[in-house]
C-alpha cells in the first residue's frame, strides 16, 4: 500500500512541470497585457462619452466584454500564424506545443461567446454592432488582409475599440460629436507606430537566423527595418502630439494628464531612437515595443484617473 501511494505521489510530482508548462502556454496565448490594455483603452472613450463612470457592475461587464473580444482576435491570429511562428516565434504557445491548435480554436469560440453575450445583454445594439464588426475584421485581417495588403491594414480596425467604448455609454452622440472620432484617429496613429516599431522583429527569428518566408508587407510595400522603425518613430511623435492636444477638445483634462502623457511619450521616443541606432538588437526592439504599449496605457489611464478625480 505504501509503495503504491509513494508511486502515485511520484507520478503526480513528475506531471506537475508538464501541467505548469501547459498552463503557461494558455497564459501567454491570451496575451495578459493586451487582455488589460484593450479594455482600458475602450474605457477611456466610455468615460469621456458620459463625463463620468457608470455603476461598478457595468464597468466590470464592459471590461470583460472587451477583454474577451481582444483575447479571441489575438488567439485566432496565433492560430493562423502557427506554421510561420515555427520559424519566427518558435517559443509561442502553439508552435512550442504547449497549446494544441484545436484548443486555441476552443479558446476563440468561448471568448467570442462570452464577449458578444455580455454586450448584447448589458449594452446597446450600436455597441454590439461595432464589436461584431471589429471581431469580423480582426479575423479577416489575420486570414487575408495582413499577408495581401499589409500590417497597416490593422490600425483602422483597432480604432473601432474607441468607437465601441464611446457608444457603450453615449450611442446617441457617436455621429454628432467630434471627440469619438478624434479618439479613433489617436488609436489609429498609435497602432501604426506600434506595428512599425515591431516590424523588424517579424523578419528575425528568435535564434537570429534568416527565416524561410518573407515578412508580410507594411501596406502594399515591404520596408527595410530602418525605414520601418523611422516610420514608427514618426507616428510615435504624432501620437504624442494628438494626445497632448486632447485637452483642447476636453478642457477637463488638465496639467496632471499632460505631465503623464508627455513623460510616457518621451519614454517611447527614447526606446524607438535607441532601436534605430542598433536595428539588429532584438532586445532593443522588444523594449521599444513595450515602451509604446506603456505610452498607450498611460494615455488611457491618465484619462480615466483625471475623470475619476473630477468626479469625486
Protein backbone atom coordinates (compact mmCIF):
# COMPACT_ATOMS: atom_id res chain seq x y z
CA UNK A 1 0.00 0.00 0.00
CA UNK A 2 2.78 2.40 0.97
CA UNK A 3 4.69 1.62 -2.23
CA UNK A 4 1.59 2.23 -4.37
CA UNK A 5 0.95 5.55 -2.61
CA UNK A 6 4.57 6.59 -2.99
CA UNK A 7 4.46 5.67 -6.70
CA UNK A 8 1.30 7.72 -7.21
CA UNK A 9 2.83 10.73 -5.49
CA UNK A 10 5.97 10.38 -7.57
CA UNK A 11 3.91 10.26 -10.80
CA UNK A 12 1.91 13.33 -9.78
CA UNK A 13 5.13 15.17 -8.98
CA UNK A 14 6.52 14.32 -12.41
CA UNK A 15 3.34 15.60 -14.07
CA UNK A 16 3.40 18.98 -12.31
CA UNK A 17 6.10 20.53 -14.55
CA UNK A 18 4.13 19.37 -17.61
CA UNK A 19 0.98 20.93 -16.19
CA UNK A 20 2.77 24.19 -15.46
CA UNK A 21 4.20 24.11 -18.98
CA UNK A 22 0.72 23.75 -20.46
CA UNK A 23 -0.78 26.42 -18.22
CA UNK A 24 1.99 28.84 -19.16
CA UNK A 25 1.07 28.20 -22.79
CA UNK A 26 -2.56 29.20 -22.25
CA UNK A 27 -1.47 32.20 -20.21
CA UNK A 28 0.81 33.53 -22.95
CA UNK A 29 -1.79 32.67 -25.60
CA UNK A 30 -4.33 35.13 -24.19
CA UNK A 31 -1.67 37.90 -24.01
CA UNK A 32 -2.35 39.24 -20.49
CA UNK A 33 -1.00 42.77 -21.24
CA UNK A 34 -3.49 43.23 -24.09
CA UNK A 35 -6.22 41.48 -22.07
CA UNK A 36 -5.91 44.52 -19.78
CA UNK A 37 -4.76 47.26 -22.18
CA UNK A 38 -7.59 46.92 -24.69
CA UNK A 39 -10.44 47.28 -22.14
CA UNK A 40 -8.65 50.26 -20.55
CA UNK A 41 -8.49 51.94 -23.98
CA UNK A 42 -12.21 51.35 -24.54
CA UNK A 43 -12.97 52.58 -21.01
CA UNK A 44 -11.14 55.87 -21.62
CA UNK A 45 -13.53 56.60 -24.50
CA UNK A 46 -16.53 55.45 -22.45
CA UNK A 47 -15.93 57.77 -19.50
CA UNK A 48 -15.33 60.73 -21.82
CA UNK A 49 -18.61 59.93 -23.55
CA UNK A 50 -20.60 60.12 -20.34
CA UNK A 51 -18.43 62.55 -18.40
CA UNK A 52 -18.04 60.07 -15.57
CA UNK A 53 -18.09 56.45 -14.51
CA UNK A 54 -21.14 54.18 -14.79
CA UNK A 55 -22.06 51.80 -11.92
CA UNK A 56 -19.34 49.32 -10.95
CA UNK A 57 -21.23 46.33 -12.35
CA UNK A 58 -21.42 47.95 -15.78
CA UNK A 59 -17.71 48.85 -15.61
CA UNK A 60 -16.83 45.22 -14.91
CA UNK A 61 -19.13 43.92 -17.64
CA UNK A 62 -17.60 46.31 -20.15
CA UNK A 63 -14.09 45.37 -19.09
CA UNK A 64 -14.66 41.64 -19.58
CA UNK A 65 -16.59 42.10 -22.82
CA UNK A 66 -13.68 43.94 -24.43
CA UNK A 67 -11.05 41.72 -22.80
CA UNK A 68 -12.57 38.51 -24.16
CA UNK A 69 -13.11 40.04 -27.61
CA UNK A 70 -9.43 41.04 -27.68
CA UNK A 71 -8.48 37.56 -26.50
CA UNK A 72 -10.49 35.92 -29.28
CA UNK A 73 -8.94 38.04 -32.03
CA UNK A 74 -5.38 37.59 -30.72
CA UNK A 75 -5.70 33.84 -30.26
CA UNK A 76 -7.20 33.45 -33.74
CA UNK A 77 -4.22 35.41 -35.08
CA UNK A 78 -1.86 32.96 -33.36
CA UNK A 79 -3.84 30.04 -34.77
CA UNK A 80 -3.50 31.42 -38.31
CA UNK A 81 0.23 32.09 -37.72
CA UNK A 82 1.04 28.69 -36.25
CA UNK A 83 3.13 27.49 -39.22
CA UNK A 84 5.04 30.74 -39.72
CA UNK A 85 5.69 31.02 -35.99
CA UNK A 86 7.67 27.77 -36.10
CA UNK A 87 10.40 29.85 -37.77
CA UNK A 88 9.84 33.33 -36.37
CA UNK A 89 8.43 32.73 -32.86
CA UNK A 90 9.00 29.04 -32.02
CA UNK A 91 8.54 29.70 -28.29
CA UNK A 92 4.93 30.87 -28.71
CA UNK A 93 2.21 28.72 -27.22
CA UNK A 94 1.06 26.82 -30.32
CA UNK A 95 4.37 26.17 -32.17
CA UNK A 96 6.02 25.17 -28.88
CA UNK A 97 3.35 22.50 -28.35
CA UNK A 98 2.06 23.93 -25.09
CA UNK A 99 -1.35 24.55 -26.68
CA UNK A 100 -2.87 22.45 -29.46
CA UNK A 101 -4.43 24.24 -32.47
CA UNK A 102 -7.83 22.74 -31.66
CA UNK A 103 -7.55 24.04 -28.10
CA UNK A 104 -6.73 27.52 -29.41
CA UNK A 105 -9.89 27.46 -31.54
CA UNK A 106 -11.88 26.42 -28.48
CA UNK A 107 -10.50 29.44 -26.60
CA UNK A 108 -11.56 31.65 -29.53
CA UNK A 109 -15.09 30.22 -29.54
CA UNK A 110 -15.59 30.55 -25.77
CA UNK A 111 -14.15 34.07 -25.69
CA UNK A 112 -16.39 35.22 -28.53
CA UNK A 113 -19.47 33.74 -26.86
CA UNK A 114 -18.70 35.49 -23.57
CA UNK A 115 -17.91 38.86 -25.17
CA UNK A 116 -20.88 39.05 -27.53
CA UNK A 117 -23.32 37.78 -24.90
CA UNK A 118 -22.25 40.43 -22.39
CA UNK A 119 -22.58 43.28 -24.89
CA UNK A 120 -25.92 42.03 -26.23
CA UNK A 121 -27.41 41.73 -22.75
CA UNK A 122 -25.82 44.69 -20.94
CA UNK A 123 -25.30 47.39 -23.55
CA UNK A 124 -26.94 48.56 -26.78
CA UNK A 125 -27.36 47.47 -30.38
CA UNK A 126 -24.87 50.00 -31.75
CA UNK A 127 -22.13 48.81 -29.40
CA UNK A 128 -22.88 45.19 -30.27
CA UNK A 129 -22.67 46.03 -34.00
CA UNK A 130 -19.32 47.81 -33.60
CA UNK A 131 -17.91 44.95 -31.54
CA UNK A 132 -19.09 42.36 -34.05
CA UNK A 133 -17.62 44.39 -36.92
CA UNK A 134 -14.28 44.69 -35.09
CA UNK A 135 -14.18 40.93 -34.47
CA UNK A 136 -15.03 40.06 -38.07
CA UNK A 137 -12.49 42.50 -39.48
CA UNK A 138 -9.89 41.33 -36.95
CA UNK A 139 -10.34 37.76 -38.14
CA UNK A 140 -10.26 38.86 -41.79
CA UNK A 141 -7.03 40.72 -41.09
CA UNK A 142 -5.36 37.55 -39.78
CA UNK A 143 -6.74 35.37 -42.58
CA UNK A 144 -6.24 37.68 -45.56
CA UNK A 145 -5.51 41.39 -45.14
CA UNK A 146 -2.16 41.13 -43.36
CA UNK A 147 -0.50 38.96 -46.00
CA UNK A 148 -2.17 40.53 -49.05
CA UNK A 149 -2.42 44.19 -48.03
CA UNK A 150 -0.03 44.53 -45.09
CA UNK A 151 0.26 45.04 -41.36
CA UNK A 152 -1.01 48.61 -41.60
CA UNK A 153 -4.47 47.39 -42.56
CA UNK A 154 -4.88 46.68 -38.83
CA UNK A 155 -4.91 50.21 -37.30
CA UNK A 156 -8.32 51.25 -38.73
CA UNK A 157 -9.74 48.05 -37.22
CA UNK A 158 -8.16 48.63 -33.81
CA UNK A 159 -9.58 52.16 -33.81
CA UNK A 160 -13.07 50.65 -33.53
CA UNK A 161 -12.24 49.91 -29.86
CA UNK A 162 -12.68 53.59 -29.05
CA UNK A 163 -15.90 53.96 -31.02
CA UNK A 164 -17.30 50.92 -29.25
CA UNK A 165 -16.30 52.28 -25.85
CA UNK A 166 -17.93 55.61 -26.63
CA UNK A 167 -21.18 54.09 -27.93
CA UNK A 168 -21.46 51.86 -24.84
CA UNK A 169 -22.43 54.88 -22.73
CA UNK A 170 -23.46 57.51 -25.28
CA UNK A 171 -24.66 55.86 -28.51
CA UNK A 172 -26.79 58.87 -29.48
CA UNK A 173 -23.72 61.15 -29.77
CA UNK A 174 -21.40 58.85 -31.73
CA UNK A 175 -22.18 60.51 -35.05
CA UNK A 176 -22.86 64.01 -33.73
CA UNK A 177 -19.71 64.54 -31.65
CA UNK A 178 -16.17 65.20 -32.88
CA UNK A 179 -14.47 63.64 -29.85
CA UNK A 180 -15.05 59.90 -30.51
CA UNK A 181 -13.56 60.27 -33.99
CA UNK A 182 -10.60 62.17 -32.57
CA UNK A 183 -10.06 59.23 -30.20
CA UNK A 184 -10.42 56.88 -33.16
CA UNK A 185 -7.71 58.79 -35.05
CA UNK A 186 -5.47 58.76 -31.96
CA UNK A 187 -5.90 54.99 -31.75
CA UNK A 188 -5.07 54.53 -35.44
CA UNK A 189 -1.93 56.67 -35.20
CA UNK A 190 -0.69 54.86 -32.09
CA UNK A 191 -1.37 51.41 -33.56
CA UNK A 192 0.59 52.37 -36.68
CA UNK A 193 3.58 53.34 -34.52
CA UNK A 194 3.24 50.13 -32.51
CA UNK A 195 3.22 47.95 -35.63
CA UNK A 196 6.13 49.63 -37.37
CA UNK A 197 8.39 49.60 -34.31
CA UNK A 198 7.64 45.90 -34.01
CA UNK A 199 8.03 45.23 -37.74
CA UNK A 200 11.76 44.30 -37.76
CA UNK A 201 11.10 41.58 -35.17
CA UNK A 202 8.83 39.79 -37.65
CA UNK A 203 11.77 39.37 -40.01
CA UNK A 204 14.25 37.98 -37.48
CA UNK A 205 13.62 34.66 -35.73
CA UNK A 206 14.36 34.12 -32.03
CA UNK A 207 17.62 32.39 -32.90
CA UNK A 208 18.80 35.24 -35.16
CA UNK A 209 18.82 33.12 -38.33
CA UNK A 210 17.25 34.11 -41.65
CA UNK A 211 13.61 32.99 -41.91
CA UNK A 212 12.45 30.81 -44.80
CA UNK A 213 9.46 33.04 -45.57
CA UNK A 214 9.26 36.69 -46.48
CA UNK A 215 7.78 39.12 -43.98
CA UNK A 216 4.34 40.46 -44.94
CA UNK A 217 4.24 43.98 -46.40
CA UNK A 218 3.58 47.08 -44.34
CA UNK A 219 0.96 48.47 -46.74
CA UNK A 220 1.47 47.18 -50.28
CA UNK A 221 5.23 47.65 -49.77
CA UNK A 222 7.90 45.95 -47.69
CA UNK A 223 10.17 48.46 -45.91
CA UNK A 224 13.66 47.81 -44.67
CA UNK A 225 13.98 47.51 -40.88
CA UNK A 226 15.48 51.01 -40.72
CA UNK A 227 12.63 52.55 -42.72
CA UNK A 228 10.04 50.68 -40.65
CA UNK A 229 11.48 51.99 -37.38
CA UNK A 230 11.70 55.53 -38.77
CA UNK A 231 8.02 55.33 -39.69
CA UNK A 232 7.31 54.01 -36.20
CA UNK A 233 9.18 56.91 -34.59
CA UNK A 234 7.32 59.39 -36.80
CA UNK A 235 3.94 58.01 -35.77
CA UNK A 236 5.07 57.95 -32.14
CA UNK A 237 5.64 61.70 -32.47
CA UNK A 238 2.16 62.07 -33.98
CA UNK A 239 0.69 60.06 -31.11
CA UNK A 240 2.38 62.39 -28.64
CA UNK A 241 1.06 65.45 -30.47
CA UNK A 242 -2.51 64.15 -30.73
CA UNK A 243 -2.60 63.03 -27.11
CA UNK A 244 -1.09 66.33 -25.90
CA UNK A 245 -3.72 68.28 -27.88
CA UNK A 246 -6.59 66.29 -26.40
CA UNK A 247 -7.15 68.82 -23.55
CA UNK A 248 -8.09 71.37 -26.23
CA UNK A 249 -11.03 69.11 -27.09
CA UNK A 250 -11.66 68.04 -23.48
CA UNK A 251 -10.80 71.04 -21.25
CA UNK A 252 -11.28 68.98 -18.07
CA UNK A 253 -8.07 67.11 -18.92
CA UNK A 254 -5.53 69.42 -17.34
CA UNK A 255 -1.88 69.59 -16.30
CA UNK A 256 -1.85 66.25 -14.49
CA UNK A 257 -2.93 64.45 -17.66
CA UNK A 258 -0.40 66.35 -19.77
CA UNK A 259 2.55 65.59 -17.48
CA UNK A 260 1.85 61.86 -17.55
CA UNK A 261 1.30 61.72 -21.30
CA UNK A 262 4.35 63.79 -22.24
CA UNK A 263 6.60 61.74 -19.94
CA UNK A 264 5.33 58.47 -21.41
CA UNK A 265 5.66 59.81 -24.95
CA UNK A 266 9.30 60.84 -24.40
CA UNK A 267 9.97 57.39 -22.93
CA UNK A 268 8.53 55.75 -26.06
CA UNK A 269 10.55 58.02 -28.35
CA UNK A 270 13.76 57.18 -26.49
CA UNK A 271 13.04 53.46 -26.97
CA UNK A 272 12.48 53.97 -30.70
CA UNK A 273 15.63 56.04 -31.24
CA UNK A 274 17.76 53.52 -29.36
CA UNK A 275 16.40 50.78 -31.62
CA UNK A 276 17.20 52.84 -34.71
CA UNK A 277 20.83 53.08 -33.60
CA UNK A 278 21.05 49.29 -33.27
CA UNK A 279 18.41 47.95 -35.62
CA UNK A 280 19.51 44.31 -35.24
CA UNK A 281 19.13 44.28 -31.46
CA UNK A 282 16.17 42.09 -30.62
CA UNK A 283 16.34 43.24 -27.00
CA UNK A 284 16.03 46.90 -28.02
CA UNK A 285 13.22 46.02 -30.39
CA UNK A 286 11.19 44.37 -27.64
CA UNK A 287 11.97 47.27 -25.27
CA UNK A 288 10.81 49.84 -27.84
CA UNK A 289 7.64 47.83 -28.49
CA UNK A 290 6.89 47.63 -24.77
CA UNK A 291 7.55 51.34 -24.28
CA UNK A 292 4.88 52.11 -26.87
CA UNK A 293 2.46 49.80 -25.09
CA UNK A 294 3.19 51.70 -21.88
CA UNK A 295 2.61 55.00 -23.71
CA UNK A 296 -0.86 53.93 -24.84
CA UNK A 297 -1.68 52.60 -21.38
CA UNK A 298 -0.61 55.87 -19.77
CA UNK A 299 -2.78 57.91 -22.16
CA UNK A 300 -5.87 55.88 -21.30
CA UNK A 301 -5.04 55.59 -17.59
CA UNK A 302 -4.45 59.35 -17.36
CA UNK A 303 -7.89 59.97 -18.90
CA UNK A 304 -9.53 57.51 -16.51
CA UNK A 305 -7.76 58.92 -13.48
CA UNK A 306 -8.50 62.54 -14.40
CA UNK A 307 -12.20 61.82 -14.94
CA UNK A 308 -12.28 59.97 -11.62
CA UNK A 309 -10.65 62.86 -9.77
CA UNK A 310 -13.06 65.31 -11.38
CA UNK A 311 -15.98 63.13 -10.36
CA UNK A 312 -15.18 62.86 -6.64
